[in-house]
Amino acid sequence: MLESIYLPEEELTYVNFPVLREERQSVEDITAYALRAYTALSDYNEALYDRVDINTAELEQYINLCQDTCRRLAAAANVPFDLLLELRSILTMLYKLRTLAADISANVVGEPGGVDTEDAG
């Protein structure tokens, strides 16, 4: 995770953020899956493997879990902002993976490029 933006006396604890007690397992599951997915993409980008295997059902499951967790954290009385921001950046990465998995028929793996409008005319 990113470095905490809290002062040492304001670190993420159950006392400061009781919602963390309820969401702890979900956050751990999401970050573990995100690290696995990031590692797989890094291995592909470094040419260690020639493809990225993505289980789309599992991907959708973690997207839904991340959305629900973000929703519950955002609705809490005391919001752990740095954790919420990190989860939302993970959710963005999962959305990109879903887009890539849906576009396998075009053999596209990686970031979408820009559109050249000069050749379209």
N, C-alpha and C. Protein backbone atom coordinates (compact mmCIF):
# COMPACT_ATOMS: atom_id res chain seq x y z
N MET A 1 0.82 -1.18 0.00
CA MET A 1 0.00 0.00 0.00
C MET A 1 0.87 1.24 0.00
N LEU A 2 0.24 2.35 -0.31
CA LEU A 2 0.96 3.61 -0.30
C LEU A 2 1.32 4.00 1.11
N GLU A 3 2.28 4.90 1.23
CA GLU A 3 2.66 5.41 2.54
C GLU A 3 1.46 6.11 3.17
N SER A 4 1.32 5.97 4.46
CA SER A 4 0.22 6.59 5.17
C SER A 4 0.38 8.10 5.21
N ILE A 5 -0.73 8.81 5.10
CA ILE A 5 -0.68 10.27 5.20
C ILE A 5 -1.02 10.73 6.61
N TYR A 6 -1.21 9.77 7.52
CA TYR A 6 -1.54 10.10 8.90
C TYR A 6 -0.29 10.32 9.73
N LEU A 7 -0.40 11.15 10.75
CA LEU A 7 0.67 11.29 11.73
C LEU A 7 0.71 10.02 12.57
N PRO A 8 1.83 9.72 13.22
CA PRO A 8 1.92 8.47 13.99
C PRO A 8 0.78 8.28 14.99
N GLU A 9 0.33 9.34 15.63
CA GLU A 9 -0.74 9.19 16.61
C GLU A 9 -2.11 9.04 15.95
N GLU A 10 -2.19 9.21 14.62
CA GLU A 10 -3.45 9.07 13.90
C GLU A 10 -3.46 7.84 12.99
N GLU A 11 -2.55 6.89 13.21
CA GLU A 11 -2.47 5.73 12.36
C GLU A 11 -3.80 4.99 12.31
N LEU A 12 -3.97 4.20 11.25
CA LEU A 12 -5.20 3.44 11.11
C LEU A 12 -5.32 2.42 12.23
N THR A 13 -6.31 2.59 13.07
CA THR A 13 -6.57 1.65 14.15
C THR A 13 -8.06 1.43 14.25
N TYR A 14 -8.43 0.39 14.98
CA TYR A 14 -9.85 0.13 15.18
C TYR A 14 -10.50 1.21 16.03
N VAL A 15 -9.71 1.87 16.89
CA VAL A 15 -10.26 2.92 17.74
C VAL A 15 -10.64 4.12 16.90
N ASN A 16 -9.74 4.52 16.00
CA ASN A 16 -10.00 5.68 15.14
C ASN A 16 -11.05 5.38 14.08
N PHE A 17 -11.03 4.17 13.55
CA PHE A 17 -11.91 3.80 12.44
C PHE A 17 -12.56 2.45 12.72
N PRO A 18 -13.69 2.42 13.43
CA PRO A 18 -14.34 1.14 13.74
C PRO A 18 -14.77 0.37 12.50
N VAL A 19 -14.98 1.06 11.38
CA VAL A 19 -15.39 0.38 10.16
C VAL A 19 -14.31 -0.59 9.67
N LEU A 20 -13.06 -0.33 10.04
CA LEU A 20 -11.97 -1.22 9.64
C LEU A 20 -12.12 -2.62 10.25
N ARG A 21 -12.70 -2.68 11.45
CA ARG A 21 -12.91 -3.97 12.08
C ARG A 21 -13.82 -4.85 11.22
N GLU A 22 -14.84 -4.23 10.64
CA GLU A 22 -15.80 -4.96 9.81
C GLU A 22 -15.24 -5.28 8.42
N GLU A 23 -14.42 -4.40 7.89
CA GLU A 23 -13.95 -4.53 6.51
C GLU A 23 -12.54 -5.08 6.38
N ARG A 24 -11.94 -5.46 7.47
CA ARG A 24 -10.53 -5.87 7.45
C ARG A 24 -10.29 -7.04 6.49
N GLN A 25 -11.09 -8.09 6.58
CA GLN A 25 -10.88 -9.26 5.72
C GLN A 25 -11.08 -8.92 4.25
N SER A 26 -12.08 -8.11 3.95
CA SER A 26 -12.31 -7.71 2.56
C SER A 26 -11.13 -6.93 2.00
N VAL A 27 -10.59 -6.01 2.80
CA VAL A 27 -9.44 -5.21 2.35
C VAL A 27 -8.23 -6.11 2.11
N GLU A 28 -8.01 -7.06 3.01
CA GLU A 28 -6.88 -7.98 2.84
C GLU A 28 -7.06 -8.85 1.60
N ASP A 29 -8.28 -9.33 1.36
CA ASP A 29 -8.54 -10.15 0.17
C ASP A 29 -8.33 -9.36 -1.12
N ILE A 30 -8.81 -8.12 -1.12
CA ILE A 30 -8.67 -7.27 -2.31
C ILE A 30 -7.20 -6.97 -2.60
N THR A 31 -6.44 -6.61 -1.58
CA THR A 31 -5.03 -6.29 -1.81
C THR A 31 -4.24 -7.53 -2.22
N ALA A 32 -4.57 -8.69 -1.68
CA ALA A 32 -3.87 -9.92 -2.08
C ALA A 32 -4.15 -10.23 -3.55
N TYR A 33 -5.39 -10.08 -3.98
CA TYR A 33 -5.73 -10.33 -5.39
C TYR A 33 -5.06 -9.29 -6.29
N ALA A 34 -5.07 -8.03 -5.86
CA ALA A 34 -4.46 -6.97 -6.67
C ALA A 34 -2.96 -7.21 -6.83
N LEU A 35 -2.29 -7.66 -5.78
CA LEU A 35 -0.86 -7.96 -5.89
C LEU A 35 -0.61 -9.12 -6.85
N ARG A 36 -1.46 -10.14 -6.81
CA ARG A 36 -1.33 -11.26 -7.76
C ARG A 36 -1.51 -10.78 -9.20
N ALA A 37 -2.54 -9.96 -9.42
CA ALA A 37 -2.80 -9.45 -10.77
C ALA A 37 -1.67 -8.53 -11.23
N TYR A 38 -1.19 -7.68 -10.35
CA TYR A 38 -0.09 -6.76 -10.70
C TYR A 38 1.17 -7.55 -11.03
N THR A 39 1.44 -8.60 -10.28
CA THR A 39 2.61 -9.44 -10.54
C THR A 39 2.49 -10.11 -11.90
N ALA A 40 1.31 -10.61 -12.22
CA ALA A 40 1.10 -11.26 -13.52
C ALA A 40 1.31 -10.26 -14.66
N LEU A 41 0.79 -9.04 -14.50
CA LEU A 41 0.98 -8.02 -15.54
C LEU A 41 2.44 -7.60 -15.65
N SER A 42 3.12 -7.49 -14.53
CA SER A 42 4.54 -7.13 -14.56
C SER A 42 5.36 -8.21 -15.26
N ASP A 43 5.05 -9.47 -14.96
CA ASP A 43 5.76 -10.56 -15.62
C ASP A 43 5.54 -10.53 -17.12
N TYR A 44 4.32 -10.21 -17.55
CA TYR A 44 4.04 -10.12 -18.98
C TYR A 44 4.80 -8.94 -19.59
N ASN A 45 4.76 -7.79 -18.92
CA ASN A 45 5.43 -6.60 -19.45
C ASN A 45 6.94 -6.75 -19.51
N GLU A 46 7.48 -7.59 -18.64
CA GLU A 46 8.93 -7.84 -18.65
C GLU A 46 9.29 -9.03 -19.53
N ALA A 47 8.34 -9.52 -20.30
CA ALA A 47 8.53 -10.62 -21.27
C ALA A 47 8.94 -11.93 -20.60
N LEU A 48 8.52 -12.13 -19.35
CA LEU A 48 8.76 -13.41 -18.70
C LEU A 48 7.74 -14.45 -19.16
N TYR A 49 6.54 -13.98 -19.50
CA TYR A 49 5.49 -14.85 -20.02
C TYR A 49 4.92 -14.22 -21.27
N ASP A 50 4.35 -15.03 -22.14
CA ASP A 50 3.84 -14.50 -23.39
C ASP A 50 2.35 -14.17 -23.34
N ARG A 51 1.71 -14.37 -22.18
CA ARG A 51 0.31 -13.98 -22.04
C ARG A 51 -0.03 -13.81 -20.56
N VAL A 52 -1.17 -13.16 -20.33
CA VAL A 52 -1.67 -12.97 -18.97
C VAL A 52 -2.96 -13.76 -18.85
N ASP A 53 -2.99 -14.72 -17.95
CA ASP A 53 -4.20 -15.49 -17.71
C ASP A 53 -5.05 -14.79 -16.67
N ILE A 54 -6.27 -14.42 -17.07
CA ILE A 54 -7.18 -13.73 -16.17
C ILE A 54 -8.47 -14.54 -16.11
N ASN A 55 -8.84 -14.97 -14.92
CA ASN A 55 -10.11 -15.64 -14.70
C ASN A 55 -11.16 -14.54 -14.57
N THR A 56 -12.00 -14.37 -15.60
CA THR A 56 -12.93 -13.25 -15.61
C THR A 56 -14.00 -13.35 -14.52
N ALA A 57 -14.40 -14.56 -14.15
CA ALA A 57 -15.38 -14.71 -13.08
C ALA A 57 -14.78 -14.24 -11.75
N GLU A 58 -13.53 -14.63 -11.50
CA GLU A 58 -12.85 -14.19 -10.28
C GLU A 58 -12.61 -12.68 -10.31
N LEU A 59 -12.26 -12.16 -11.47
CA LEU A 59 -12.05 -10.73 -11.62
C LEU A 59 -13.33 -9.96 -11.28
N GLU A 60 -14.46 -10.40 -11.82
CA GLU A 60 -15.75 -9.76 -11.53
C GLU A 60 -16.09 -9.84 -10.05
N GLN A 61 -15.78 -10.96 -9.43
CA GLN A 61 -16.03 -11.14 -8.00
C GLN A 61 -15.26 -10.10 -7.19
N TYR A 62 -13.99 -9.89 -7.53
CA TYR A 62 -13.18 -8.93 -6.79
C TYR A 62 -13.55 -7.49 -7.13
N ILE A 63 -14.01 -7.23 -8.33
CA ILE A 63 -14.51 -5.89 -8.66
C ILE A 63 -15.73 -5.58 -7.80
N ASN A 64 -16.65 -6.52 -7.70
CA ASN A 64 -17.84 -6.32 -6.88
C ASN A 64 -17.48 -6.15 -5.40
N LEU A 65 -16.55 -6.98 -4.92
CA LEU A 65 -16.12 -6.87 -3.53
C LEU A 65 -15.47 -5.51 -3.26
N CYS A 66 -14.65 -5.05 -4.18
CA CYS A 66 -13.97 -3.76 -4.03
C CYS A 66 -14.98 -2.61 -4.06
N GLN A 67 -15.95 -2.69 -4.96
CA GLN A 67 -16.99 -1.65 -5.02
C GLN A 67 -17.78 -1.60 -3.71
N ASP A 68 -18.18 -2.75 -3.20
CA ASP A 68 -18.96 -2.80 -1.96
C ASP A 68 -18.14 -2.29 -0.78
N THR A 69 -16.88 -2.68 -0.71
CA THR A 69 -16.02 -2.23 0.38
C THR A 69 -15.81 -0.73 0.32
N CYS A 70 -15.55 -0.20 -0.87
CA CYS A 70 -15.39 1.26 -1.02
C CYS A 70 -16.66 1.99 -0.61
N ARG A 71 -17.79 1.45 -0.98
CA ARG A 71 -19.07 2.06 -0.63
C ARG A 71 -19.25 2.11 0.90
N ARG A 72 -18.94 1.00 1.58
CA ARG A 72 -19.11 0.95 3.03
C ARG A 72 -18.09 1.86 3.74
N LEU A 73 -16.85 1.89 3.25
CA LEU A 73 -15.85 2.77 3.87
C LEU A 73 -16.22 4.24 3.67
N ALA A 74 -16.73 4.58 2.49
CA ALA A 74 -17.08 5.97 2.21
C ALA A 74 -18.28 6.43 3.03
N ALA A 75 -19.14 5.50 3.41
CA ALA A 75 -20.33 5.85 4.19
C ALA A 75 -20.07 5.88 5.69
N ALA A 76 -18.87 5.51 6.11
CA ALA A 76 -18.55 5.46 7.55
C ALA A 76 -18.46 6.87 8.13
N ALA A 77 -18.69 6.94 9.45
CA ALA A 77 -18.62 8.23 10.13
C ALA A 77 -17.20 8.81 10.08
N ASN A 78 -16.21 7.99 10.36
CA ASN A 78 -14.80 8.37 10.24
C ASN A 78 -14.22 7.60 9.07
N VAL A 79 -13.78 8.31 8.07
CA VAL A 79 -13.32 7.68 6.84
C VAL A 79 -11.80 7.58 6.81
N PRO A 80 -11.24 6.38 6.63
CA PRO A 80 -9.79 6.25 6.45
C PRO A 80 -9.43 6.59 5.00
N PHE A 81 -9.16 7.87 4.75
CA PHE A 81 -9.01 8.36 3.38
C PHE A 81 -7.90 7.68 2.59
N ASP A 82 -6.73 7.47 3.20
CA ASP A 82 -5.65 6.88 2.41
C ASP A 82 -5.98 5.44 2.02
N LEU A 83 -6.65 4.70 2.87
CA LEU A 83 -7.06 3.35 2.51
C LEU A 83 -8.13 3.38 1.43
N LEU A 84 -9.07 4.29 1.54
CA LEU A 84 -10.12 4.41 0.54
C LEU A 84 -9.54 4.80 -0.83
N LEU A 85 -8.59 5.72 -0.83
CA LEU A 85 -7.95 6.10 -2.10
C LEU A 85 -7.19 4.94 -2.72
N GLU A 86 -6.51 4.17 -1.89
CA GLU A 86 -5.77 3.01 -2.39
C GLU A 86 -6.72 1.96 -2.97
N LEU A 87 -7.83 1.72 -2.29
CA LEU A 87 -8.81 0.76 -2.80
C LEU A 87 -9.42 1.23 -4.11
N ARG A 88 -9.64 2.52 -4.22
CA ARG A 88 -10.19 3.04 -5.48
C ARG A 88 -9.18 2.95 -6.62
N SER A 89 -7.89 3.11 -6.33
CA SER A 89 -6.89 2.93 -7.38
C SER A 89 -6.79 1.45 -7.78
N ILE A 90 -6.96 0.55 -6.81
CA ILE A 90 -7.00 -0.89 -7.13
C ILE A 90 -8.22 -1.17 -8.00
N LEU A 91 -9.35 -0.57 -7.67
CA LEU A 91 -10.57 -0.76 -8.47
C LEU A 91 -10.36 -0.27 -9.89
N THR A 92 -9.66 0.82 -10.07
CA THR A 92 -9.35 1.32 -11.41
C THR A 92 -8.51 0.30 -12.18
N MET A 93 -7.52 -0.29 -11.52
CA MET A 93 -6.70 -1.32 -12.17
C MET A 93 -7.54 -2.53 -12.54
N LEU A 94 -8.47 -2.92 -11.68
CA LEU A 94 -9.32 -4.07 -11.97
C LEU A 94 -10.25 -3.77 -13.15
N TYR A 95 -10.73 -2.53 -13.25
CA TYR A 95 -11.53 -2.14 -14.42
C TYR A 95 -10.72 -2.26 -15.71
N LYS A 96 -9.45 -1.83 -15.65
CA LYS A 96 -8.59 -1.94 -16.83
C LYS A 96 -8.38 -3.40 -17.20
N LEU A 97 -8.19 -4.25 -16.20
CA LEU A 97 -8.03 -5.68 -16.49
C LEU A 97 -9.29 -6.25 -17.13
N ARG A 98 -10.46 -5.81 -16.65
CA ARG A 98 -11.71 -6.29 -17.23
C ARG A 98 -11.83 -5.84 -18.68
N THR A 99 -11.42 -4.61 -18.96
CA THR A 99 -11.44 -4.12 -20.34
C THR A 99 -10.51 -4.93 -21.22
N LEU A 100 -9.32 -5.24 -20.71
CA LEU A 100 -8.36 -6.04 -21.47
C LEU A 100 -8.88 -7.46 -21.69
N ALA A 101 -9.49 -8.03 -20.68
CA ALA A 101 -10.02 -9.39 -20.80
C ALA A 101 -11.16 -9.45 -21.80
N ALA A 102 -11.96 -8.39 -21.89
CA ALA A 102 -13.07 -8.36 -22.84
C ALA A 102 -12.58 -8.18 -24.26
N ASP A 103 -11.39 -7.64 -24.44
CA ASP A 103 -10.87 -7.34 -25.78
C ASP A 103 -9.84 -8.36 -26.23
N ILE A 104 -9.91 -9.57 -25.70
CA ILE A 104 -8.95 -10.61 -26.07
C ILE A 104 -9.07 -10.98 -27.54
N SER A 105 -10.28 -10.88 -28.11
CA SER A 105 -10.45 -11.24 -29.52
C SER A 105 -9.59 -10.39 -30.44
N ALA A 106 -9.27 -9.17 -30.03
CA ALA A 106 -8.43 -8.29 -30.84
C ALA A 106 -6.95 -8.46 -30.50
N ASN A 107 -6.64 -9.41 -29.60
CA ASN A 107 -5.26 -9.65 -29.17
C ASN A 107 -4.61 -8.40 -28.63
N VAL A 108 -5.36 -7.62 -27.87
CA VAL A 108 -4.84 -6.40 -27.28
C VAL A 108 -4.55 -6.66 -25.81
N VAL A 109 -3.31 -6.48 -25.42
CA VAL A 109 -2.94 -6.58 -24.02
C VAL A 109 -2.06 -5.38 -23.72
N GLY A 110 -2.45 -4.54 -22.81
CA GLY A 110 -1.69 -3.35 -22.45
C GLY A 110 -2.58 -2.13 -22.41
N GLU A 111 -1.98 -1.01 -22.24
CA GLU A 111 -2.72 0.24 -22.16
C GLU A 111 -3.22 0.64 -23.54
N PRO A 112 -4.48 1.11 -23.63
CA PRO A 112 -4.97 1.59 -24.93
C PRO A 112 -4.19 2.81 -25.39
N GLY A 113 -3.91 2.89 -26.65
CA GLY A 113 -3.18 4.02 -27.20
C GLY A 113 -4.12 5.15 -27.58
N GLY A 114 -3.56 6.26 -28.00
CA GLY A 114 -4.35 7.41 -28.42
C GLY A 114 -4.92 7.22 -29.81
N VAL A 115 -5.89 8.02 -30.16
CA VAL A 115 -6.53 7.96 -31.47
C VAL A 115 -5.90 9.02 -32.36
N ASP A 116 -5.46 8.62 -33.55
CA ASP A 116 -4.88 9.54 -34.50
C ASP A 116 -6.01 10.03 -35.41
N THR A 117 -6.42 11.29 -35.27
CA THR A 117 -7.54 11.81 -36.02
C THR A 117 -7.16 12.26 -37.42
N GLU A 118 -5.88 12.42 -37.71
CA GLU A 118 -5.45 12.88 -39.03
C GLU A 118 -5.70 11.83 -40.10
N ASP A 119 -5.57 10.54 -39.76
CA ASP A 119 -5.78 9.49 -40.74
C ASP A 119 -7.25 9.14 -40.92
N ALA A 120 -8.12 9.64 -40.07
CA ALA A 120 -9.53 9.30 -40.13
C ALA A 120 -10.28 10.06 -41.21
N GLY A 121 -9.73 11.07 -41.76
CA GLY A 121 -10.44 11.97 -42.64
C GLY A 121 -10.47 11.62 -44.03
